[in-house]
Amino acid sequence: MKRWVWLTAGVLVIAGLAGLATARLVGRRGSRFSVLLTVVSGWLAAWVLWGFAGGLAAHYGVLQTYDGTPFTILAIVGGIWQYRTHVRRGREPALAVFVGGQLLWLGVVLVLNGVLSR
């Protein structure tokens, strides 16, 4: 499963870079390809960082368990929402969607580990 996620993300990043290079050659900045590349790389970086931090927290006993698999669903839905928001409303509202997704995931992790119910 992780191979397919990495492969898909890699293809999207490469396609975004190719689109970005093409848009810059033509003279258009801020194209949809560059927005796509930004969104995909941001959510991919968040997935890696959450996995690292969650694994460390579980290893050292801060969390009982950490399963980053559901974050994939959040990243896909949040990425689509962030991309659409960026295209329609601009960069700042799209960044609010990204930060909101991260806070939602933090809440999910805390609830699943019983941290908020103590």
PDB file of N, CA and C in Angstrom:
ATOM      1  N   MET A   1       0.826  -1.193   0.000  1.00  0.00           N
ATOM      2  CA  MET A   1       0.000   0.000   0.000  1.00  0.00           C
ATOM      3  C   MET A   1       0.871   1.258   0.000  1.00  0.00           C
ATOM      4  N   LYS A   2       1.917   1.262   0.830  1.00  0.00           N
ATOM      5  CA  LYS A   2       2.756   2.451   0.900  1.00  0.00           C
ATOM      6  C   LYS A   2       3.491   2.699  -0.408  1.00  0.00           C
ATOM      7  N   ARG A   3       3.820   1.625  -1.112  1.00  0.00           N
ATOM      8  CA  ARG A   3       4.496   1.815  -2.408  1.00  0.00           C
ATOM      9  C   ARG A   3       3.612   2.561  -3.379  1.00  0.00           C
ATOM     10  N   TRP A   4       2.318   2.227  -3.395  1.00  0.00           N
ATOM     11  CA  TRP A   4       1.395   2.901  -4.300  1.00  0.00           C
ATOM     12  C   TRP A   4       1.214   4.363  -3.916  1.00  0.00           C
ATOM     13  N   VAL A   5       1.205   4.632  -2.621  1.00  0.00           N
ATOM     14  CA  VAL A   5       1.078   6.026  -2.176  1.00  0.00           C
ATOM     15  C   VAL A   5       2.297   6.819  -2.618  1.00  0.00           C
ATOM     16  N   TRP A   6       3.492   6.274  -2.391  1.00  0.00           N
ATOM     17  CA  TRP A   6       4.715   6.950  -2.790  1.00  0.00           C
ATOM     18  C   TRP A   6       4.798   7.104  -4.311  1.00  0.00           C
ATOM     19  N   LEU A   7       4.407   6.050  -5.031  1.00  0.00           N
ATOM     20  CA  LEU A   7       4.441   6.109  -6.491  1.00  0.00           C
ATOM     21  C   LEU A   7       3.481   7.176  -7.018  1.00  0.00           C
ATOM     22  N   THR A   8       2.267   7.199  -6.480  1.00  0.00           N
ATOM     23  CA  THR A   8       1.283   8.187  -6.914  1.00  0.00           C
ATOM     24  C   THR A   8       1.751   9.602  -6.585  1.00  0.00           C
ATOM     25  N   ALA A   9       2.246   9.784  -5.369  1.00  0.00           N
ATOM     26  CA  ALA A   9       2.741  11.111  -4.986  1.00  0.00           C
ATOM     27  C   ALA A   9       3.919  11.522  -5.856  1.00  0.00           C
ATOM     28  N   GLY A  10       4.814  10.590  -6.141  1.00  0.00           N
ATOM     29  CA  GLY A  10       5.957  10.902  -6.991  1.00  0.00           C
ATOM     30  C   GLY A  10       5.541  11.298  -8.390  1.00  0.00           C
ATOM     31  N   VAL A  11       4.579  10.568  -8.954  1.00  0.00           N
ATOM     32  CA  VAL A  11       4.085  10.899 -10.297  1.00  0.00           C
ATOM     33  C   VAL A  11       3.439  12.284 -10.294  1.00  0.00           C
ATOM     34  N   LEU A  12       2.656  12.583  -9.259  1.00  0.00           N
ATOM     35  CA  LEU A  12       2.016  13.898  -9.190  1.00  0.00           C
ATOM     36  C   LEU A  12       3.042  15.014  -9.047  1.00  0.00           C
ATOM     37  N   VAL A  13       4.064  14.792  -8.243  1.00  0.00           N
ATOM     38  CA  VAL A  13       5.102  15.809  -8.073  1.00  0.00           C
ATOM     39  C   VAL A  13       5.874  16.018  -9.379  1.00  0.00           C
ATOM     40  N   ILE A  14       6.217  14.930 -10.054  1.00  0.00           N
ATOM     41  CA  ILE A  14       6.935  15.045 -11.327  1.00  0.00           C
ATOM     42  C   ILE A  14       6.072  15.729 -12.379  1.00  0.00           C
ATOM     43  N   ALA A  15       4.792  15.368 -12.434  1.00  0.00           N
ATOM     44  CA  ALA A  15       3.889  16.022 -13.381  1.00  0.00           C
ATOM     45  C   ALA A  15       3.739  17.504 -13.044  1.00  0.00           C
ATOM     46  N   GLY A  16       3.670  17.824 -11.760  1.00  0.00           N
ATOM     47  CA  GLY A  16       3.582  19.223 -11.348  1.00  0.00           C
ATOM     48  C   GLY A  16       4.825  20.008 -11.712  1.00  0.00           C
ATOM     49  N   LEU A  17       5.995  19.387 -11.509  1.00  0.00           N
ATOM     50  CA  LEU A  17       7.245  20.060 -11.884  1.00  0.00           C
ATOM     51  C   LEU A  17       7.327  20.288 -13.396  1.00  0.00           C
ATOM     52  N   ALA A  18       6.901  19.298 -14.162  1.00  0.00           N
ATOM     53  CA  ALA A  18       6.901  19.452 -15.618  1.00  0.00           C
ATOM     54  C   ALA A  18       5.942  20.562 -16.041  1.00  0.00           C
ATOM     55  N   GLY A  19       4.767  20.587 -15.429  1.00  0.00           N
ATOM     56  CA  GLY A  19       3.807  21.652 -15.726  1.00  0.00           C
ATOM     57  C   GLY A  19       4.306  23.019 -15.308  1.00  0.00           C
ATOM     58  N   LEU A  20       4.969  23.062 -14.165  1.00  0.00           N
ATOM     59  CA  LEU A  20       5.525  24.322 -13.681  1.00  0.00           C
ATOM     60  C   LEU A  20       6.603  24.838 -14.629  1.00  0.00           C
ATOM     61  N   ALA A  21       7.479  23.946 -15.067  1.00  0.00           N
ATOM     62  CA  ALA A  21       8.530  24.351 -15.997  1.00  0.00           C
ATOM     63  C   ALA A  21       7.927  24.845 -17.310  1.00  0.00           C
ATOM     64  N   THR A  22       6.921  24.144 -17.795  1.00  0.00           N
ATOM     65  CA  THR A  22       6.255  24.554 -19.027  1.00  0.00           C
ATOM     66  C   THR A  22       5.585  25.915 -18.867  1.00  0.00           C
ATOM     67  N   ALA A  23       4.905  26.115 -17.728  1.00  0.00           N
ATOM     68  CA  ALA A  23       4.226  27.393 -17.498  1.00  0.00           C
ATOM     69  C   ALA A  23       5.219  28.535 -17.399  1.00  0.00           C
ATOM     70  N   ARG A  24       6.350  28.291 -16.792  1.00  0.00           N
ATOM     71  CA  ARG A  24       7.351  29.352 -16.678  1.00  0.00           C
ATOM     72  C   ARG A  24       7.991  29.659 -18.024  1.00  0.00           C
ATOM     73  N   LEU A  25       8.162  28.630 -18.864  1.00  0.00           N
ATOM     74  CA  LEU A  25       8.710  28.876 -20.202  1.00  0.00           C
ATOM     75  C   LEU A  25       7.753  29.720 -21.029  1.00  0.00           C
ATOM     76  N   VAL A  26       6.473  29.478 -20.856  1.00  0.00           N
ATOM     77  CA  VAL A  26       5.469  30.222 -21.599  1.00  0.00           C
ATOM     78  C   VAL A  26       5.285  31.623 -21.013  1.00  0.00           C
ATOM     79  N   GLY A  27       5.646  31.798 -19.732  1.00  0.00           N
ATOM     80  CA  GLY A  27       5.555  33.108 -19.112  1.00  0.00           C
ATOM     81  C   GLY A  27       4.419  33.255 -18.123  1.00  0.00           C
ATOM     82  N   ARG A  28       3.759  32.159 -17.760  1.00  0.00           N
ATOM     83  CA  ARG A  28       2.646  32.219 -16.810  1.00  0.00           C
ATOM     84  C   ARG A  28       3.129  31.730 -15.442  1.00  0.00           C
ATOM     85  N   ARG A  29       3.039  32.582 -14.454  1.00  0.00           N
ATOM     86  CA  ARG A  29       3.383  32.208 -13.085  1.00  0.00           C
ATOM     87  C   ARG A  29       2.084  31.939 -12.329  1.00  0.00           C
ATOM     88  N   GLY A  30       2.155  31.098 -11.314  1.00  0.00           N
ATOM     89  CA  GLY A  30       0.973  30.804 -10.512  1.00  0.00           C
ATOM     90  C   GLY A  30      -0.027  29.934 -11.234  1.00  0.00           C
ATOM     91  N   SER A  31       0.465  29.065 -12.095  1.00  0.00           N
ATOM     92  CA  SER A  31      -0.439  28.206 -12.848  1.00  0.00           C
ATOM     93  C   SER A  31      -1.037  27.140 -11.944  1.00  0.00           C
ATOM     94  N   ARG A  32      -2.005  26.449 -12.461  1.00  0.00           N
ATOM     95  CA  ARG A  32      -2.649  25.376 -11.703  1.00  0.00           C
ATOM     96  C   ARG A  32      -1.666  24.250 -11.410  1.00  0.00           C
ATOM     97  N   PHE A  33      -0.707  24.033 -12.284  1.00  0.00           N
ATOM     98  CA  PHE A  33       0.292  22.997 -12.031  1.00  0.00           C
ATOM     99  C   PHE A  33       1.146  23.351 -10.820  1.00  0.00           C
ATOM    100  N   SER A  34       1.504  24.610 -10.685  1.00  0.00           N
ATOM    101  CA  SER A  34       2.306  24.993  -9.525  1.00  0.00           C
ATOM    102  C   SER A  34       1.489  24.911  -8.238  1.00  0.00           C
ATOM    103  N   VAL A  35       0.203  25.221  -8.323  1.00  0.00           N
ATOM    104  CA  VAL A  35      -0.672  25.058  -7.162  1.00  0.00           C
ATOM    105  C   VAL A  35      -0.781  23.579  -6.800  1.00  0.00           C
ATOM    106  N   LEU A  36      -0.950  22.724  -7.797  1.00  0.00           N
ATOM    107  CA  LEU A  36      -1.030  21.285  -7.555  1.00  0.00           C
ATOM    108  C   LEU A  36       0.245  20.771  -6.910  1.00  0.00           C
ATOM    109  N   LEU A  37       1.387  21.210  -7.402  1.00  0.00           N
ATOM    110  CA  LEU A  37       2.661  20.795  -6.835  1.00  0.00           C
ATOM    111  C   LEU A  37       2.796  21.253  -5.383  1.00  0.00           C
ATOM    112  N   THR A  38       2.382  22.451  -5.091  1.00  0.00           N
ATOM    113  CA  THR A  38       2.442  22.971  -3.728  1.00  0.00           C
ATOM    114  C   THR A  38       1.553  22.170  -2.788  1.00  0.00           C
ATOM    115  N   VAL A  39       0.345  21.891  -3.220  1.00  0.00           N
ATOM    116  CA  VAL A  39      -0.602  21.154  -2.380  1.00  0.00           C
ATOM    117  C   VAL A  39      -0.121  19.729  -2.139  1.00  0.00           C
ATOM    118  N   VAL A  40       0.283  19.038  -3.190  1.00  0.00           N
ATOM    119  CA  VAL A  40       0.727  17.646  -3.039  1.00  0.00           C
ATOM    120  C   VAL A  40       1.972  17.567  -2.166  1.00  0.00           C
ATOM    121  N   SER A  41       2.932  18.439  -2.397  1.00  0.00           N
ATOM    122  CA  SER A  41       4.155  18.385  -1.586  1.00  0.00           C
ATOM    123  C   SER A  41       3.882  18.750  -0.138  1.00  0.00           C
ATOM    124  N   GLY A  42       2.968  19.669   0.109  1.00  0.00           N
ATOM    125  CA  GLY A  42       2.627  20.041   1.487  1.00  0.00           C
ATOM    126  C   GLY A  42       1.984  18.890   2.252  1.00  0.00           C
ATOM    127  N   TRP A  43       1.024  18.223   1.633  1.00  0.00           N
ATOM    128  CA  TRP A  43       0.353  17.109   2.300  1.00  0.00           C
ATOM    129  C   TRP A  43       1.275  15.903   2.430  1.00  0.00           C
ATOM    130  N   LEU A  44       2.143  15.699   1.456  1.00  0.00           N
ATOM    131  CA  LEU A  44       3.104  14.603   1.549  1.00  0.00           C
ATOM    132  C   LEU A  44       4.099  14.860   2.685  1.00  0.00           C
ATOM    133  N   ALA A  45       4.559  16.087   2.800  1.00  0.00           N
ATOM    134  CA  ALA A  45       5.464  16.433   3.903  1.00  0.00           C
ATOM    135  C   ALA A  45       4.769  16.292   5.248  1.00  0.00           C
ATOM    136  N   ALA A  46       3.505  16.683   5.316  1.00  0.00           N
ATOM    137  CA  ALA A  46       2.761  16.528   6.567  1.00  0.00           C
ATOM    138  C   ALA A  46       2.605  15.058   6.930  1.00  0.00           C
ATOM    139  N   TRP A  47       2.364  14.211   5.936  1.00  0.00           N
ATOM    140  CA  TRP A  47       2.222  12.770   6.179  1.00  0.00           C
ATOM    141  C   TRP A  47       3.526  12.204   6.749  1.00  0.00           C
ATOM    142  N   VAL A  48       4.643  12.611   6.183  1.00  0.00           N
ATOM    143  CA  VAL A  48       5.939  12.133   6.667  1.00  0.00           C
ATOM    144  C   VAL A  48       6.204  12.635   8.083  1.00  0.00           C
ATOM    145  N   LEU A  49       5.962  13.917   8.324  1.00  0.00           N
ATOM    146  CA  LEU A  49       6.226  14.483   9.649  1.00  0.00           C
ATOM    147  C   LEU A  49       5.305  13.907  10.717  1.00  0.00           C
ATOM    148  N   TRP A  50       4.026  13.716  10.389  1.00  0.00           N
ATOM    149  CA  TRP A  50       3.112  13.105  11.347  1.00  0.00           C
ATOM    150  C   TRP A  50       3.529  11.670  11.654  1.00  0.00           C
ATOM    151  N   GLY A  51       3.948  10.949  10.646  1.00  0.00           N
ATOM    152  CA  GLY A  51       4.403   9.580  10.874  1.00  0.00           C
ATOM    153  C   GLY A  51       5.633   9.530  11.756  1.00  0.00           C
ATOM    154  N   PHE A  52       6.561  10.440  11.529  1.00  0.00           N
ATOM    155  CA  PHE A  52       7.776  10.501  12.341  1.00  0.00           C
ATOM    156  C   PHE A  52       7.450  10.880  13.781  1.00  0.00           C
ATOM    157  N   ALA A  53       6.687  11.958  13.952  1.00  0.00           N
ATOM    158  CA  ALA A  53       6.349  12.423  15.301  1.00  0.00           C
ATOM    159  C   ALA A  53       5.465  11.418  16.033  1.00  0.00           C
ATOM    160  N   GLY A  54       4.505  10.836  15.333  1.00  0.00           N
ATOM    161  CA  GLY A  54       3.636   9.841  15.964  1.00  0.00           C
ATOM    162  C   GLY A  54       4.395   8.590  16.352  1.00  0.00           C
ATOM    163  N   GLY A  55       5.305   8.150  15.502  1.00  0.00           N
ATOM    164  CA  GLY A  55       6.123   6.981  15.820  1.00  0.00           C
ATOM    165  C   GLY A  55       7.015   7.221  17.023  1.00  0.00           C
ATOM    166  N   LEU A  56       7.622   8.396  17.082  1.00  0.00           N
ATOM    167  CA  LEU A  56       8.446   8.741  18.248  1.00  0.00           C
ATOM    168  C   LEU A  56       7.612   8.826  19.521  1.00  0.00           C
ATOM    169  N   ALA A  57       6.450   9.454  19.430  1.00  0.00           N
ATOM    170  CA  ALA A  57       5.592   9.586  20.607  1.00  0.00           C
ATOM    171  C   ALA A  57       5.117   8.227  21.099  1.00  0.00           C
ATOM    172  N   ALA A  58       4.792   7.328  20.181  1.00  0.00           N
ATOM    173  CA  ALA A  58       4.377   5.983  20.585  1.00  0.00           C
ATOM    174  C   ALA A  58       5.554   5.200  21.156  1.00  0.00           C
ATOM    175  N   HIS A  59       6.716   5.375  20.591  1.00  0.00           N
ATOM    176  CA  HIS A  59       7.904   4.661  21.066  1.00  0.00           C
ATOM    177  C   HIS A  59       8.281   5.073  22.490  1.00  0.00           C
ATOM    178  N   TYR A  60       8.179   6.357  22.776  1.00  0.00           N
ATOM    179  CA  TYR A  60       8.574   6.851  24.091  1.00  0.00           C
ATOM    180  C   TYR A  60       7.425   6.904  25.096  1.00  0.00           C
ATOM    181  N   GLY A  61       6.267   6.386  24.744  1.00  0.00           N
ATOM    182  CA  GLY A  61       5.175   6.255  25.701  1.00  0.00           C
ATOM    183  C   GLY A  61       4.278   7.462  25.857  1.00  0.00           C
ATOM    184  N   VAL A  62       4.457   8.487  25.044  1.00  0.00           N
ATOM    185  CA  VAL A  62       3.579   9.652  25.116  1.00  0.00           C
ATOM    186  C   VAL A  62       2.192   9.285  24.599  1.00  0.00           C
ATOM    187  N   LEU A  63       2.148   8.478  23.546  1.00  0.00           N
ATOM    188  CA  LEU A  63       0.899   7.951  22.993  1.00  0.00           C
ATOM    189  C   LEU A  63       0.879   6.446  23.171  1.00  0.00           C
ATOM    190  N   GLN A  64      -0.323   5.896  23.341  1.00  0.00           N
ATOM    191  CA  GLN A  64      -0.437   4.443  23.450  1.00  0.00           C
ATOM    192  C   GLN A  64      -0.132   3.774  22.120  1.00  0.00           C
ATOM    193  N   THR A  65      -0.682   4.313  21.072  1.00  0.00           N
ATOM    194  CA  THR A  65      -0.481   3.767  19.729  1.00  0.00           C
ATOM    195  C   THR A  65      -0.602   4.884  18.705  1.00  0.00           C
ATOM    196  N   TYR A  66      -0.002   4.691  17.559  1.00  0.00           N
ATOM    197  CA  TYR A  66      -0.145   5.657  16.480  1.00  0.00           C
ATOM    198  C   TYR A  66      -0.288   4.898  15.173  1.00  0.00           C
ATOM    199  N   ASP A  67      -1.384   5.149  14.480  1.00  0.00           N
ATOM    200  CA  ASP A  67      -1.624   4.561  13.174  1.00  0.00           C
ATOM    201  C   ASP A  67      -1.868   5.706  12.201  1.00  0.00           C
ATOM    202  N   GLY A  68      -0.939   5.906  11.288  1.00  0.00           N
ATOM    203  CA  GLY A  68      -1.045   7.012  10.350  1.00  0.00           C
ATOM    204  C   GLY A  68      -1.831   6.702   9.093  1.00  0.00           C
ATOM    205  N   THR A  69      -2.371   5.497   8.994  1.00  0.00           N
ATOM    206  CA  THR A  69      -3.100   5.113   7.787  1.00  0.00           C
ATOM    207  C   THR A  69      -4.313   6.001   7.516  1.00  0.00           C
ATOM    208  N   PRO A  70      -5.142   6.321   8.521  1.00  0.00           N
ATOM    209  CA  PRO A  70      -6.287   7.195   8.230  1.00  0.00           C
ATOM    210  C   PRO A  70      -5.885   8.595   7.772  1.00  0.00           C
ATOM    211  N   PHE A  71      -4.651   9.009   8.066  1.00  0.00           N
ATOM    212  CA  PHE A  71      -4.208  10.321   7.614  1.00  0.00           C
ATOM    213  C   PHE A  71      -4.185  10.395   6.094  1.00  0.00           C
ATOM    214  N   THR A  72      -3.994   9.251   5.443  1.00  0.00           N
ATOM    215  CA  THR A  72      -3.995   9.228   3.980  1.00  0.00           C
ATOM    216  C   THR A  72      -5.326   9.720   3.429  1.00  0.00           C
ATOM    217  N   ILE A  73      -6.411   9.280   4.048  1.00  0.00           N
ATOM    218  CA  ILE A  73      -7.746   9.711   3.611  1.00  0.00           C
ATOM    219  C   ILE A  73      -7.906  11.210   3.846  1.00  0.00           C
ATOM    220  N   LEU A  74      -7.481  11.665   5.028  1.00  0.00           N
ATOM    221  CA  LEU A  74      -7.553  13.091   5.333  1.00  0.00           C
ATOM    222  C   LEU A  74      -6.714  13.895   4.352  1.00  0.00           C
ATOM    223  N   ALA A  75      -5.538  13.392   4.007  1.00  0.00           N
ATOM    224  CA  ALA A  75      -4.660  14.112   3.088  1.00  0.00           C
ATOM    225  C   ALA A  75      -5.273  14.213   1.694  1.00  0.00           C
ATOM    226  N   ILE A  76      -5.906  13.162   1.242  1.00  0.00           N
ATOM    227  CA  ILE A  76      -6.522  13.196  -0.092  1.00  0.00           C
ATOM    228  C   ILE A  76      -7.688  14.176  -0.117  1.00  0.00           C
ATOM    229  N   VAL A  77      -8.587  14.044   0.863  1.00  0.00           N
ATOM    230  CA  VAL A  77      -9.749  14.939   0.919  1.00  0.00           C
ATOM    231  C   VAL A  77      -9.303  16.374   1.167  1.00  0.00           C
ATOM    232  N   GLY A  78      -8.391  16.557   2.117  1.00  0.00           N
ATOM    233  CA  GLY A  78      -7.901  17.900   2.427  1.00  0.00           C
ATOM    234  C   GLY A  78      -7.134  18.516   1.269  1.00  0.00           C
ATOM    235  N   GLY A  79      -6.372  17.701   0.545  1.00  0.00           N
ATOM    236  CA  GLY A  79      -5.632  18.204  -0.605  1.00  0.00           C
ATOM    237  C   GLY A  79      -6.549  18.677  -1.717  1.00  0.00           C
ATOM    238  N   ILE A  80      -7.587  17.904  -1.975  1.00  0.00           N
ATOM    239  CA  ILE A  80      -8.566  18.317  -2.998  1.00  0.00           C
ATOM    240  C   ILE A  80      -9.253  19.611  -2.581  1.00  0.00           C
ATOM    241  N   TRP A  81      -9.651  19.659  -1.322  1.00  0.00           N
ATOM    242  CA  TRP A  81     -10.320  20.862  -0.806  1.00  0.00           C
ATOM    243  C   TRP A  81      -9.372  22.060  -0.847  1.00  0.00           C
ATOM    244  N   GLN A  82      -8.122  21.855  -0.457  1.00  0.00           N
ATOM    245  CA  GLN A  82      -7.141  22.948  -0.469  1.00  0.00           C
ATOM    246  C   GLN A  82      -6.889  23.435  -1.893  1.00  0.00           C
ATOM    247  N   TYR A  83      -6.753  22.518  -2.837  1.00  0.00           N
ATOM    248  CA  TYR A  83      -6.514  22.902  -4.231  1.00  0.00           C
ATOM    249  C   TYR A  83      -7.684  23.723  -4.773  1.00  0.00           C
ATOM    250  N   ARG A  84      -8.889  23.226  -4.540  1.00  0.00           N
ATOM    251  CA  ARG A  84     -10.071  23.944  -5.049  1.00  0.00           C
ATOM    252  C   ARG A  84     -10.198  25.320  -4.402  1.00  0.00           C
ATOM    253  N   THR A  85      -9.894  25.405  -3.111  1.00  0.00           N
ATOM    254  CA  THR A  85      -9.961  26.688  -2.416  1.00  0.00           C
ATOM    255  C   THR A  85      -8.904  27.645  -2.956  1.00  0.00           C
ATOM    256  N   HIS A  86      -7.721  27.127  -3.227  1.00  0.00           N
ATOM    257  CA  HIS A  86      -6.646  27.986  -3.758  1.00  0.00           C
ATOM    258  C   HIS A  86      -7.017  28.536  -5.126  1.00  0.00           C
ATOM    259  N   VAL A  87      -7.585  27.697  -5.971  1.00  0.00           N
ATOM    260  CA  VAL A  87      -7.952  28.136  -7.317  1.00  0.00           C
ATOM    261  C   VAL A  87      -9.087  29.163  -7.262  1.00  0.00           C
ATOM    262  N   ARG A  88     -10.054  28.947  -6.371  1.00  0.00           N
ATOM    263  CA  ARG A  88     -11.231  29.814  -6.336  1.00  0.00           C
ATOM    264  C   ARG A  88     -11.055  31.072  -5.496  1.00  0.00           C
ATOM    265  N   ARG A  89     -10.355  30.942  -4.338  1.00  0.00           N
ATOM    266  CA  ARG A  89     -10.340  32.052  -3.386  1.00  0.00           C
ATOM    267  C   ARG A  89      -8.961  32.616  -3.098  1.00  0.00           C
ATOM    268  N   GLY A  90      -7.887  31.888  -3.428  1.00  0.00           N
ATOM    269  CA  GLY A  90      -6.556  32.416  -3.205  1.00  0.00           C
ATOM    270  C   GLY A  90      -5.746  31.588  -2.221  1.00  0.00           C
ATOM    271  N   ARG A  91      -4.548  32.064  -1.984  1.00  0.00           N
ATOM    272  CA  ARG A  91      -3.572  31.313  -1.201  1.00  0.00           C
ATOM    273  C   ARG A  91      -3.907  31.248   0.287  1.00  0.00           C
ATOM    274  N   GLU A  92      -4.286  32.367   0.898  1.00  0.00           N
ATOM    275  CA  GLU A  92      -4.499  32.394   2.335  1.00  0.00           C
ATOM    276  C   GLU A  92      -5.653  31.502   2.789  1.00  0.00           C
ATOM    277  N   PRO A  93      -6.805  31.544   2.136  1.00  0.00           N
ATOM    278  CA  PRO A  93      -7.863  30.612   2.548  1.00  0.00           C
ATOM    279  C   PRO A  93      -7.460  29.142   2.346  1.00  0.00           C
ATOM    280  N   ALA A  94      -6.657  28.884   1.314  1.00  0.00           N
ATOM    281  CA  ALA A  94      -6.201  27.512   1.085  1.00  0.00           C
ATOM    282  C   ALA A  94      -5.256  27.064   2.193  1.00  0.00           C
ATOM    283  N   LEU A  95      -4.405  27.955   2.672  1.00  0.00           N
ATOM    284  CA  LEU A  95      -3.528  27.616   3.785  1.00  0.00           C
ATOM    285  C   LEU A  95      -4.325  27.363   5.056  1.00  0.00           C
ATOM    286  N   ALA A  96      -5.442  28.059   5.217  1.00  0.00           N
ATOM    287  CA  ALA A  96      -6.317  27.811   6.366  1.00  0.00           C
ATOM    288  C   ALA A  96      -6.901  26.404   6.300  1.00  0.00           C
ATOM    289  N   VAL A  97      -7.203  25.929   5.108  1.00  0.00           N
ATOM    290  CA  VAL A  97      -7.686  24.555   4.954  1.00  0.00           C
ATOM    291  C   VAL A  97      -6.599  23.567   5.365  1.00  0.00           C
ATOM    292  N   PHE A  98      -5.365  23.823   4.961  1.00  0.00           N
ATOM    293  CA  PHE A  98      -4.250  22.951   5.319  1.00  0.00           C
ATOM    294  C   PHE A  98      -4.040  22.912   6.831  1.00  0.00           C
ATOM    295  N   VAL A  99      -3.993  24.065   7.453  1.00  0.00           N
ATOM    296  CA  VAL A  99      -3.795  24.121   8.905  1.00  0.00           C
ATOM    297  C   VAL A  99      -4.971  23.484   9.632  1.00  0.00           C
ATOM    298  N   GLY A 100      -6.174  23.715   9.151  1.00  0.00           N
ATOM    299  CA  GLY A 100      -7.349  23.080   9.745  1.00  0.00           C
ATOM    300  C   GLY A 100      -7.281  21.564   9.668  1.00  0.00           C
ATOM    301  N   GLY A 101      -6.777  21.041   8.562  1.00  0.00           N
ATOM    302  CA  GLY A 101      -6.611  19.594   8.419  1.00  0.00           C
ATOM    303  C   GLY A 101      -5.601  19.046   9.413  1.00  0.00           C
ATOM    304  N   GLN A 102      -4.526  19.793   9.643  1.00  0.00           N
ATOM    305  CA  GLN A 102      -3.517  19.351  10.609  1.00  0.00           C
ATOM    306  C   GLN A 102      -4.084  19.359  12.028  1.00  0.00           C
ATOM    307  N   LEU A 103      -4.843  20.386  12.361  1.00  0.00           N
ATOM    308  CA  LEU A 103      -5.454  20.451  13.689  1.00  0.00           C
ATOM    309  C   LEU A 103      -6.498  19.353  13.871  1.00  0.00           C
ATOM    310  N   LEU A 104      -7.237  19.057  12.807  1.00  0.00           N
ATOM    311  CA  LEU A 104      -8.202  17.957  12.870  1.00  0.00           C
ATOM    312  C   LEU A 104      -7.484  16.638  13.145  1.00  0.00           C
ATOM    313  N   TRP A 105      -6.379  16.397  12.465  1.00  0.00           N
ATOM    314  CA  TRP A 105      -5.629  15.158  12.673  1.00  0.00           C
ATOM    315  C   TRP A 105      -5.058  15.092  14.093  1.00  0.00           C
ATOM    316  N   LEU A 106      -4.577  16.207  14.598  1.00  0.00           N
ATOM    317  CA  LEU A 106      -4.089  16.243  15.980  1.00  0.00           C
ATOM    318  C   LEU A 106      -5.212  15.858  16.938  1.00  0.00           C
ATOM    319  N   GLY A 107      -6.395  16.386  16.719  1.00  0.00           N
ATOM    320  CA  GLY A 107      -7.542  16.026  17.551  1.00  0.00           C
ATOM    321  C   GLY A 107      -7.883  14.552  17.460  1.00  0.00           C
ATOM    322  N   VAL A 108      -7.837  13.994  16.248  1.00  0.00           N
ATOM    323  CA  VAL A 108      -8.126  12.573  16.061  1.00  0.00           C
ATOM    324  C   VAL A 108      -7.115  11.714  16.818  1.00  0.00           C
ATOM    325  N   VAL A 109      -5.841  12.049  16.714  1.00  0.00           N
ATOM    326  CA  VAL A 109      -4.793  11.286  17.399  1.00  0.00           C
ATOM    327  C   VAL A 109      -4.988  11.366  18.906  1.00  0.00           C
ATOM    328  N   LEU A 110      -5.277  12.553  19.402  1.00  0.00           N
ATOM    329  CA  LEU A 110      -5.462  12.710  20.838  1.00  0.00           C
ATOM    330  C   LEU A 110      -6.688  11.957  21.351  1.00  0.00           C
ATOM    331  N   VAL A 111      -7.772  12.000  20.603  1.00  0.00           N
ATOM    332  CA  VAL A 111      -8.982  11.274  21.016  1.00  0.00           C
ATOM    333  C   VAL A 111      -8.756   9.776  20.971  1.00  0.00           C
ATOM    334  N   LEU A 112      -8.119   9.269  19.917  1.00  0.00           N
ATOM    335  CA  LEU A 112      -7.871   7.825  19.809  1.00  0.00           C
ATOM    336  C   LEU A 112      -6.960   7.309  20.913  1.00  0.00           C
ATOM    337  N   ASN A 113      -6.115   8.149  21.456  1.00  0.00           N
ATOM    338  CA  ASN A 113      -5.204   7.729  22.511  1.00  0.00           C
ATOM    339  C   ASN A 113      -5.709   8.104  23.903  1.00  0.00           C
ATOM    340  N   GLY A 114      -6.908   8.651  23.993  1.00  0.00           N
ATOM    341  CA  GLY A 114      -7.494   8.960  25.281  1.00  0.00           C
ATOM    342  C   GLY A 114      -6.867  10.126  26.012  1.00  0.00           C
ATOM    343  N   VAL A 115      -6.112  10.939  25.317  1.00  0.00           N
ATOM    344  CA  VAL A 115      -5.437  12.068  25.964  1.00  0.00           C
ATOM    345  C   VAL A 115      -6.440  13.122  26.402  1.00  0.00           C
ATOM    346  N   LEU A 116      -7.481  13.343  25.637  1.00  0.00           N
ATOM    347  CA  LEU A 116      -8.456  14.368  25.959  1.00  0.00           C
ATOM    348  C   LEU A 116      -9.481  13.914  26.993  1.00  0.00           C
ATOM    349  N   SER A 117      -9.552  12.627  27.265  1.00  0.00           N
ATOM    350  CA  SER A 117     -10.552  12.122  28.196  1.00  0.00           C
ATOM    351  C   SER A 117      -9.999  11.875  29.588  1.00  0.00           C
ATOM    352  N   ARG A 118      -8.762  12.239  29.829  1.00  0.00           N
ATOM    353  CA  ARG A 118      -8.178  12.009  31.153  1.00  0.00           C
ATOM    354  C   ARG A 118      -8.561  13.055  32.137  1.00  0.00           C
TER     355      ARG A 118
END
